[in-house]
Structures are given as C-alpha cells and as structure tokens.
Amino acid sequence: MVTKAQVLAELKKCFDPEVPVNIVDLGLIYDVKINEGNVKIKMGLTSPGCPMQSFIVDDVKNKILKIKGVKRVDVDLVLEPWSPDRMSKKAKKKLGW
C-alpha cells in the first residue's frame, strides 16, 4: 500500500532548478491523495509563467511512479498564488528569509 509519507519523501527529491530547495519545503505541494495505487498531487509553482513547469511536473511524475504499488500519477497544477509564507522554516533559512 502506498502511503502519503512515501510520496512526500520522493517529492522532497524534486527541485525547482531555479531554487536550491525541494518542492515540499518550498510549499509547492498543496495536497496529496492516494486511492488504490493512484496518486493525485495538487501543486503550484513559484510563478504562473514558470519556464520550468513541464520539467518539474515530469520530474514529479517520474519519481512517484518509482514507488512500489503506484499505478498512476496525476498532477493538478493550480493557479493559487504562491507566497514565501508557504515555505518551511528550513527553506526560509536556506534562502535567507
């Protein structure tokens, strides 16, 4: 059975190439739902026109598909405004916030 902890652990290996912080600590992951091996991830980007959008989404899908038991990954990009308030304390410290 796939767990949210497994998914988040893999997502912590995904980075926005323009920022040296993983997408979980950056606050880009809004929700993770798992149902019988199907994983749905609701996420945002640091800016609406992020030039690395397809790279990040492909990286997310590829990493999650490596988890034993995952059959499918859907990434739902949302346009909710991202702000530095969503970052973890670790990310803020690393970026000097």
C-alpha atoms as a PDB file:
ATOM      1  CA  MET A   1       0.000   0.000   0.000  1.00  0.00           C
ATOM      2  CA  VAL A   2       1.328   3.411  -0.985  1.00  0.00           C
ATOM      3  CA  THR A   3       1.473   5.978   1.821  1.00  0.00           C
ATOM      4  CA  LYS A   4       1.488   9.759   1.848  1.00  0.00           C
ATOM      5  CA  ALA A   5       4.830   9.626   3.678  1.00  0.00           C
ATOM      6  CA  GLN A   6       6.362   7.669   0.777  1.00  0.00           C
ATOM      7  CA  VAL A   7       5.018  10.176  -1.741  1.00  0.00           C
ATOM      8  CA  LEU A   8       6.285  13.170   0.243  1.00  0.00           C
ATOM      9  CA  ALA A   9       9.703  11.538   0.658  1.00  0.00           C
ATOM     10  CA  GLU A  10      10.000  11.203  -3.131  1.00  0.00           C
ATOM     11  CA  LEU A  11       8.689  14.731  -3.693  1.00  0.00           C
ATOM     12  CA  LYS A  12      11.467  16.014  -1.431  1.00  0.00           C
ATOM     13  CA  LYS A  13      13.857  14.790  -4.145  1.00  0.00           C
ATOM     14  CA  CYS A  14      12.251  17.168  -6.686  1.00  0.00           C
ATOM     15  CA  PHE A  15      13.656  20.659  -7.058  1.00  0.00           C
ATOM     16  CA  ASP A  16      12.749  23.783  -8.981  1.00  0.00           C
ATOM     17  CA  PRO A  17      16.028  24.175 -10.929  1.00  0.00           C
ATOM     18  CA  GLU A  18      15.978  27.903 -10.212  1.00  0.00           C
ATOM     19  CA  VAL A  19      15.740  27.461  -6.414  1.00  0.00           C
ATOM     20  CA  PRO A  20      18.005  25.206  -4.293  1.00  0.00           C
ATOM     21  CA  VAL A  21      15.103  23.939  -2.131  1.00  0.00           C
ATOM     22  CA  ASN A  22      12.880  20.890  -2.694  1.00  0.00           C
ATOM     23  CA  ILE A  23       9.285  21.483  -3.786  1.00  0.00           C
ATOM     24  CA  VAL A  24       7.818  20.208  -0.500  1.00  0.00           C
ATOM     25  CA  ASP A  25       9.819  22.600   1.698  1.00  0.00           C
ATOM     26  CA  LEU A  26       9.219  25.343  -0.858  1.00  0.00           C
ATOM     27  CA  GLY A  27       5.491  24.944  -0.171  1.00  0.00           C
ATOM     28  CA  LEU A  28       4.527  23.982  -3.712  1.00  0.00           C
ATOM     29  CA  ILE A  29       2.664  20.805  -2.698  1.00  0.00           C
ATOM     30  CA  TYR A  30      -0.892  21.698  -1.653  1.00  0.00           C
ATOM     31  CA  ASP A  31      -2.414  18.220  -1.390  1.00  0.00           C
ATOM     32  CA  VAL A  32      -1.688  14.524  -1.972  1.00  0.00           C
ATOM     33  CA  LYS A  33      -4.442  11.961  -2.372  1.00  0.00           C
ATOM     34  CA  ILE A  34      -3.867   8.225  -2.792  1.00  0.00           C
ATOM     35  CA  ASN A  35      -6.510   5.732  -3.859  1.00  0.00           C
ATOM     36  CA  GLU A  36      -5.609   2.134  -4.723  1.00  0.00           C
ATOM     37  CA  GLY A  37      -2.248   2.991  -6.261  1.00  0.00           C
ATOM     38  CA  ASN A  38      -3.480   6.131  -7.992  1.00  0.00           C
ATOM     39  CA  VAL A  39      -1.750   9.259  -6.723  1.00  0.00           C
ATOM     40  CA  LYS A  40      -3.172  12.736  -7.282  1.00  0.00           C
ATOM     41  CA  ILE A  41      -0.957  15.682  -6.436  1.00  0.00           C
ATOM     42  CA  LYS A  42      -2.248  19.232  -6.242  1.00  0.00           C
ATOM     43  CA  MET A  43       0.630  21.647  -6.587  1.00  0.00           C
ATOM     44  CA  GLY A  44       1.525  25.174  -7.531  1.00  0.00           C
ATOM     45  CA  LEU A  45       4.564  26.919  -8.924  1.00  0.00           C
ATOM     46  CA  THR A  46       6.517  29.914  -7.674  1.00  0.00           C
ATOM     47  CA  SER A  47       5.189  31.978 -10.600  1.00  0.00           C
ATOM     48  CA  PRO A  48       2.337  31.457 -13.090  1.00  0.00           C
ATOM     49  CA  GLY A  49       4.670  31.589 -16.094  1.00  0.00           C
ATOM     50  CA  CYS A  50       7.360  29.367 -14.600  1.00  0.00           C
ATOM     51  CA  PRO A  51       9.616  28.345 -17.505  1.00  0.00           C
ATOM     52  CA  MET A  52      10.454  25.067 -15.739  1.00  0.00           C
ATOM     53  CA  GLN A  53       6.821  23.945 -15.364  1.00  0.00           C
ATOM     54  CA  SER A  54       6.993  20.890 -17.644  1.00  0.00           C
ATOM     55  CA  PHE A  55      10.389  19.855 -16.221  1.00  0.00           C
ATOM     56  CA  ILE A  56       9.074  19.970 -12.646  1.00  0.00           C
ATOM     57  CA  VAL A  57       5.819  18.131 -13.459  1.00  0.00           C
ATOM     58  CA  ASP A  58       7.690  15.408 -15.382  1.00  0.00           C
ATOM     59  CA  ASP A  59      10.164  15.026 -12.513  1.00  0.00           C
ATOM     60  CA  VAL A  60       7.296  14.680 -10.011  1.00  0.00           C
ATOM     61  CA  LYS A  61       5.565  12.015 -12.108  1.00  0.00           C
ATOM     62  CA  ASN A  62       8.755  10.044 -12.744  1.00  0.00           C
ATOM     63  CA  LYS A  63       9.766   9.990  -9.084  1.00  0.00           C
ATOM     64  CA  ILE A  64       6.321   8.971  -7.820  1.00  0.00           C
ATOM     65  CA  LEU A  65       5.970   6.219 -10.436  1.00  0.00           C
ATOM     66  CA  LYS A  66       9.102   4.592  -8.954  1.00  0.00           C
ATOM     67  CA  ILE A  67       7.255   3.884  -5.687  1.00  0.00           C
ATOM     68  CA  LYS A  68       6.206   0.245  -5.478  1.00  0.00           C
ATOM     69  CA  GLY A  69       2.438  -0.019  -5.863  1.00  0.00           C
ATOM     70  CA  VAL A  70       1.897   3.253  -7.730  1.00  0.00           C
ATOM     71  CA  LYS A  71      -0.091   2.677 -10.906  1.00  0.00           C
ATOM     72  CA  ARG A  72      -0.820   6.221 -12.000  1.00  0.00           C
ATOM     73  CA  VAL A  73       0.159   9.784 -11.125  1.00  0.00           C
ATOM     74  CA  ASP A  74      -1.936  12.847 -11.894  1.00  0.00           C
ATOM     75  CA  VAL A  75      -0.551  16.305 -11.238  1.00  0.00           C
ATOM     76  CA  ASP A  76      -3.076  19.106 -10.916  1.00  0.00           C
ATOM     77  CA  LEU A  77      -1.353  22.475 -11.318  1.00  0.00           C
ATOM     78  CA  VAL A  78      -3.302  25.186  -9.565  1.00  0.00           C
ATOM     79  CA  LEU A  79      -3.010  28.896 -10.020  1.00  0.00           C
ATOM     80  CA  GLU A  80      -3.448  29.698  -6.350  1.00  0.00           C
ATOM     81  CA  PRO A  81      -0.910  32.400  -5.649  1.00  0.00           C
ATOM     82  CA  TRP A  82       2.217  31.033  -4.031  1.00  0.00           C
ATOM     83  CA  SER A  83       3.967  33.133  -1.423  1.00  0.00           C
ATOM     84  CA  PRO A  84       7.086  32.668   0.698  1.00  0.00           C
ATOM     85  CA  ASP A  85       4.767  32.109   3.680  1.00  0.00           C
ATOM     86  CA  ARG A  86       4.206  28.571   2.351  1.00  0.00           C
ATOM     87  CA  MET A  87       7.899  27.675   2.747  1.00  0.00           C
ATOM     88  CA  SER A  88       9.139  25.531   5.614  1.00  0.00           C
ATOM     89  CA  LYS A  89      11.427  27.108   8.223  1.00  0.00           C
ATOM     90  CA  LYS A  90      14.283  25.074   6.744  1.00  0.00           C
ATOM     91  CA  ALA A  91      13.662  26.530   3.273  1.00  0.00           C
ATOM     92  CA  LYS A  92      13.371  30.090   4.590  1.00  0.00           C
ATOM     93  CA  LYS A  93      16.660  29.716   6.433  1.00  0.00           C
ATOM     94  CA  LYS A  94      18.412  28.279   3.375  1.00  0.00           C
ATOM     95  CA  LEU A  95      17.165  31.143   1.205  1.00  0.00           C
ATOM     96  CA  GLY A  96      17.909  33.798   3.830  1.00  0.00           C
ATOM     97  CA  TRP A  97      14.312  34.800   4.607  1.00  0.00           C
END
